[in-house]
């Protein structure tokens, strides 16, 4: 019986060695394979992309027409109506109070300020996207 026990003991020993070796391989994972790895690391090279010109055309405000204003009071209303009739201009009255005119002037000033600010934004964007070096600035 000693022979059978010896073989059992050897089988258990071999089984235990196999189990331990499989466990150690699974725990170490693929880390051991990196010793044999001959792949090169990836090099990342970045290159700046040339900025696209904005193609912004600043339109001049020279073509705007200014309306003709008449201040109509009870003292001059007949004179104004007669002048419009002589010039064959339609006689139409748009009324606004003095307070309404102040509000209109303040609103127009705000609009003008907003337009000027937008113009500055566009100029700054153009400077950013189309920077001029000293050589091209001197040629112009």
C-alpha atoms as a PDB file:
ATOM      1  CA  UNK A   1       0.000   0.000   0.000  1.00  0.00           C
ATOM      2  CA  UNK A   2       2.903   2.191   0.385  1.00  0.00           C
ATOM      3  CA  UNK A   3       3.267   2.372  -3.391  1.00  0.00           C
ATOM      4  CA  UNK A   4      -0.316   3.530  -3.906  1.00  0.00           C
ATOM      5  CA  UNK A   5      -0.015   6.182  -1.216  1.00  0.00           C
ATOM      6  CA  UNK A   6       3.234   7.365  -2.703  1.00  0.00           C
ATOM      7  CA  UNK A   7       1.634   7.780  -6.127  1.00  0.00           C
ATOM      8  CA  UNK A   8      -1.313   9.656  -4.632  1.00  0.00           C
ATOM      9  CA  UNK A   9       1.050  11.895  -2.766  1.00  0.00           C
ATOM     10  CA  UNK A  10       3.025  12.550  -5.985  1.00  0.00           C
ATOM     11  CA  UNK A  11      -0.199  13.319  -7.908  1.00  0.00           C
ATOM     12  CA  UNK A  12      -1.290  15.776  -5.206  1.00  0.00           C
ATOM     13  CA  UNK A  13       2.132  17.364  -5.236  1.00  0.00           C
ATOM     14  CA  UNK A  14       2.113  17.733  -9.032  1.00  0.00           C
ATOM     15  CA  UNK A  15      -1.439  19.064  -8.931  1.00  0.00           C
ATOM     16  CA  UNK A  16      -0.530  21.619  -6.238  1.00  0.00           C
ATOM     17  CA  UNK A  17       2.553  22.741  -8.182  1.00  0.00           C
ATOM     18  CA  UNK A  18       0.444  23.178 -11.348  1.00  0.00           C
ATOM     19  CA  UNK A  19      -2.241  25.112  -9.483  1.00  0.00           C
ATOM     20  CA  UNK A  20       0.337  27.398  -7.836  1.00  0.00           C
ATOM     21  CA  UNK A  21       2.116  28.059 -11.126  1.00  0.00           C
ATOM     22  CA  UNK A  22      -1.182  28.877 -12.877  1.00  0.00           C
ATOM     23  CA  UNK A  23      -2.171  31.199 -10.032  1.00  0.00           C
ATOM     24  CA  UNK A  24       1.141  33.002 -10.117  1.00  0.00           C
ATOM     25  CA  UNK A  25       0.912  33.448 -13.913  1.00  0.00           C
ATOM     26  CA  UNK A  26      -2.629  34.768 -13.699  1.00  0.00           C
ATOM     27  CA  UNK A  27      -1.676  37.176 -10.902  1.00  0.00           C
ATOM     28  CA  UNK A  28       1.329  38.524 -12.754  1.00  0.00           C
ATOM     29  CA  UNK A  29      -0.781  38.813 -15.890  1.00  0.00           C
ATOM     30  CA  UNK A  30       0.793  40.132 -19.017  1.00  0.00           C
ATOM     31  CA  UNK A  31       3.387  42.076 -17.057  1.00  0.00           C
ATOM     32  CA  UNK A  32       5.949  39.402 -17.698  1.00  0.00           C
ATOM     33  CA  UNK A  33       5.363  39.655 -21.418  1.00  0.00           C
ATOM     34  CA  UNK A  34       6.597  43.262 -21.453  1.00  0.00           C
ATOM     35  CA  UNK A  35      10.155  41.973 -21.077  1.00  0.00           C
ATOM     36  CA  UNK A  36       9.875  40.464 -24.531  1.00  0.00           C
ATOM     37  CA  UNK A  37       7.993  43.381 -26.065  1.00  0.00           C
ATOM     38  CA  UNK A  38       9.969  45.055 -28.850  1.00  0.00           C
ATOM     39  CA  UNK A  39       7.360  47.673 -29.899  1.00  0.00           C
ATOM     40  CA  UNK A  40       8.462  51.286 -30.026  1.00  0.00           C
ATOM     41  CA  UNK A  41       6.582  53.987 -28.146  1.00  0.00           C
ATOM     42  CA  UNK A  42       4.323  56.207 -30.214  1.00  0.00           C
ATOM     43  CA  UNK A  43       5.660  59.662 -30.932  1.00  0.00           C
ATOM     44  CA  UNK A  44       3.109  62.443 -31.204  1.00  0.00           C
ATOM     45  CA  UNK A  45       4.205  65.434 -33.205  1.00  0.00           C
ATOM     46  CA  UNK A  46       1.911  68.423 -33.355  1.00  0.00           C
ATOM     47  CA  UNK A  47       2.086  71.049 -36.017  1.00  0.00           C
ATOM     48  CA  UNK A  48       0.204  74.352 -35.836  1.00  0.00           C
ATOM     49  CA  UNK A  49      -2.510  74.790 -38.414  1.00  0.00           C
ATOM     50  CA  UNK A  50      -2.430  78.009 -40.378  1.00  0.00           C
ATOM     51  CA  UNK A  51      -5.292  80.299 -39.449  1.00  0.00           C
ATOM     52  CA  UNK A  52      -7.862  80.970 -42.114  1.00  0.00           C
ATOM     53  CA  UNK A  53      -8.321  84.675 -42.952  1.00  0.00           C
ATOM     54  CA  UNK A  54     -11.645  85.987 -41.704  1.00  0.00           C
ATOM     55  CA  UNK A  55     -12.644  87.845 -44.885  1.00  0.00           C
ATOM     56  CA  UNK A  56     -14.486  90.561 -42.974  1.00  0.00           C
ATOM     57  CA  UNK A  57     -15.457  93.602 -44.977  1.00  0.00           C
ATOM     58  CA  UNK A  58     -16.152  96.681 -42.945  1.00  0.00           C
ATOM     59  CA  UNK A  59     -18.980  98.494 -44.653  1.00  0.00           C
ATOM     60  CA  UNK A  60     -18.828 102.268 -44.389  1.00  0.00           C
ATOM     61  CA  UNK A  61     -21.792 104.067 -42.908  1.00  0.00           C
ATOM     62  CA  UNK A  62     -21.500 106.947 -45.384  1.00  0.00           C
ATOM     63  CA  UNK A  63     -24.632 106.106 -47.377  1.00  0.00           C
ATOM     64  CA  UNK A  64     -27.056 106.584 -44.506  1.00  0.00           C
ATOM     65  CA  UNK A  65     -29.686 109.245 -45.009  1.00  0.00           C
ATOM     66  CA  UNK A  66     -30.516 111.633 -42.244  1.00  0.00           C
ATOM     67  CA  UNK A  67     -34.204 112.442 -41.765  1.00  0.00           C
ATOM     68  CA  UNK A  68     -35.384 116.035 -41.895  1.00  0.00           C
ATOM     69  CA  UNK A  69     -36.865 117.067 -38.596  1.00  0.00           C
ATOM     70  CA  UNK A  70     -39.403 119.840 -38.055  1.00  0.00           C
ATOM     71  CA  UNK A  71     -40.342 121.114 -34.663  1.00  0.00           C
ATOM     72  CA  UNK A  72     -44.015 121.957 -34.909  1.00  0.00           C
ATOM     73  CA  UNK A  73     -45.525 124.229 -32.321  1.00  0.00           C
ATOM     74  CA  UNK A  74     -48.942 125.919 -32.262  1.00  0.00           C
ATOM     75  CA  UNK A  75     -47.217 129.119 -33.417  1.00  0.00           C
ATOM     76  CA  UNK A  76     -45.584 127.658 -36.567  1.00  0.00           C
ATOM     77  CA  UNK A  77     -47.860 124.793 -37.566  1.00  0.00           C
ATOM     78  CA  UNK A  78     -49.574 126.662 -40.462  1.00  0.00           C
ATOM     79  CA  UNK A  79     -46.216 127.757 -41.876  1.00  0.00           C
ATOM     80  CA  UNK A  80     -44.852 124.173 -41.819  1.00  0.00           C
ATOM     81  CA  UNK A  81     -47.974 122.713 -43.476  1.00  0.00           C
ATOM     82  CA  UNK A  82     -47.852 125.374 -46.215  1.00  0.00           C
ATOM     83  CA  UNK A  83     -44.123 124.750 -46.850  1.00  0.00           C
ATOM     84  CA  UNK A  84     -44.753 120.998 -47.201  1.00  0.00           C
ATOM     85  CA  UNK A  85     -47.669 121.675 -49.551  1.00  0.00           C
ATOM     86  CA  UNK A  86     -45.505 123.995 -51.733  1.00  0.00           C
ATOM     87  CA  UNK A  87     -42.759 121.351 -51.976  1.00  0.00           C
ATOM     88  CA  UNK A  88     -45.398 118.731 -52.870  1.00  0.00           C
ATOM     89  CA  UNK A  89     -44.482 116.599 -49.880  1.00  0.00           C
ATOM     90  CA  UNK A  90     -47.173 114.480 -48.266  1.00  0.00           C
ATOM     91  CA  UNK A  91     -48.387 116.130 -45.137  1.00  0.00           C
ATOM     92  CA  UNK A  92     -48.027 113.528 -42.411  1.00  0.00           C
ATOM     93  CA  UNK A  93     -47.534 114.190 -38.739  1.00  0.00           C
ATOM     94  CA  UNK A  94     -45.549 111.850 -36.506  1.00  0.00           C
ATOM     95  CA  UNK A  95     -45.665 113.114 -32.965  1.00  0.00           C
ATOM     96  CA  UNK A  96     -43.264 112.706 -30.097  1.00  0.00           C
ATOM     97  CA  UNK A  97     -43.099 114.491 -26.790  1.00  0.00           C
ATOM     98  CA  UNK A  98     -40.020 116.186 -25.399  1.00  0.00           C
ATOM     99  CA  UNK A  99     -39.561 113.289 -22.934  1.00  0.00           C
ATOM    100  CA  UNK A 100     -40.042 110.786 -25.760  1.00  0.00           C
ATOM    101  CA  UNK A 101     -37.368 112.608 -27.764  1.00  0.00           C
ATOM    102  CA  UNK A 102     -34.945 112.362 -24.815  1.00  0.00           C
ATOM    103  CA  UNK A 103     -35.621 108.623 -24.578  1.00  0.00           C
ATOM    104  CA  UNK A 104     -35.120 108.237 -28.335  1.00  0.00           C
ATOM    105  CA  UNK A 105     -31.800 110.105 -28.170  1.00  0.00           C
ATOM    106  CA  UNK A 106     -30.617 107.932 -25.247  1.00  0.00           C
ATOM    107  CA  UNK A 107     -31.601 104.749 -27.096  1.00  0.00           C
ATOM    108  CA  UNK A 108     -29.790 105.870 -30.244  1.00  0.00           C
ATOM    109  CA  UNK A 109     -26.667 106.614 -28.153  1.00  0.00           C
ATOM    110  CA  UNK A 110     -26.819 103.089 -26.685  1.00  0.00           C
ATOM    111  CA  UNK A 111     -27.195 101.579 -30.156  1.00  0.00           C
ATOM    112  CA  UNK A 112     -24.246 103.623 -31.410  1.00  0.00           C
ATOM    113  CA  UNK A 113     -22.120 102.466 -28.453  1.00  0.00           C
ATOM    114  CA  UNK A 114     -23.092  98.847 -29.097  1.00  0.00           C
ATOM    115  CA  UNK A 115     -22.178  99.145 -32.778  1.00  0.00           C
ATOM    116  CA  UNK A 116     -18.788 100.673 -31.888  1.00  0.00           C
ATOM    117  CA  UNK A 117     -18.128  97.858 -29.397  1.00  0.00           C
ATOM    118  CA  UNK A 118     -19.004  95.211 -32.016  1.00  0.00           C
ATOM    119  CA  UNK A 119     -16.672  96.932 -34.467  1.00  0.00           C
ATOM    120  CA  UNK A 120     -13.855  96.731 -31.890  1.00  0.00           C
ATOM    121  CA  UNK A 121     -14.582  93.009 -31.348  1.00  0.00           C
ATOM    122  CA  UNK A 122     -14.344  92.385 -35.077  1.00  0.00           C
ATOM    123  CA  UNK A 123     -11.072  94.299 -35.298  1.00  0.00           C
ATOM    124  CA  UNK A 124      -9.599  92.279 -32.399  1.00  0.00           C
ATOM    125  CA  UNK A 125     -10.709  88.993 -33.987  1.00  0.00           C
ATOM    126  CA  UNK A 126      -9.123  90.074 -37.238  1.00  0.00           C
ATOM    127  CA  UNK A 127      -5.871  90.943 -35.398  1.00  0.00           C
ATOM    128  CA  UNK A 128      -5.928  87.513 -33.748  1.00  0.00           C
ATOM    129  CA  UNK A 129      -6.690  85.484 -36.863  1.00  0.00           C
ATOM    130  CA  UNK A 130      -4.599  87.549 -39.243  1.00  0.00           C
ATOM    131  CA  UNK A 131      -1.613  88.781 -37.247  1.00  0.00           C
ATOM    132  CA  UNK A 132       0.713  90.978 -39.250  1.00  0.00           C
ATOM    133  CA  UNK A 133       4.390  90.627 -38.639  1.00  0.00           C
ATOM    134  CA  UNK A 134       6.634  93.687 -38.786  1.00  0.00           C
ATOM    135  CA  UNK A 135       7.784  93.044 -42.367  1.00  0.00           C
ATOM    136  CA  UNK A 136       4.278  92.972 -43.884  1.00  0.00           C
ATOM    137  CA  UNK A 137       3.163  95.914 -41.739  1.00  0.00           C
ATOM    138  CA  UNK A 138       6.094  98.006 -43.002  1.00  0.00           C
ATOM    139  CA  UNK A 139       5.374  97.142 -46.647  1.00  0.00           C
ATOM    140  CA  UNK A 140       1.846  98.534 -46.445  1.00  0.00           C
END
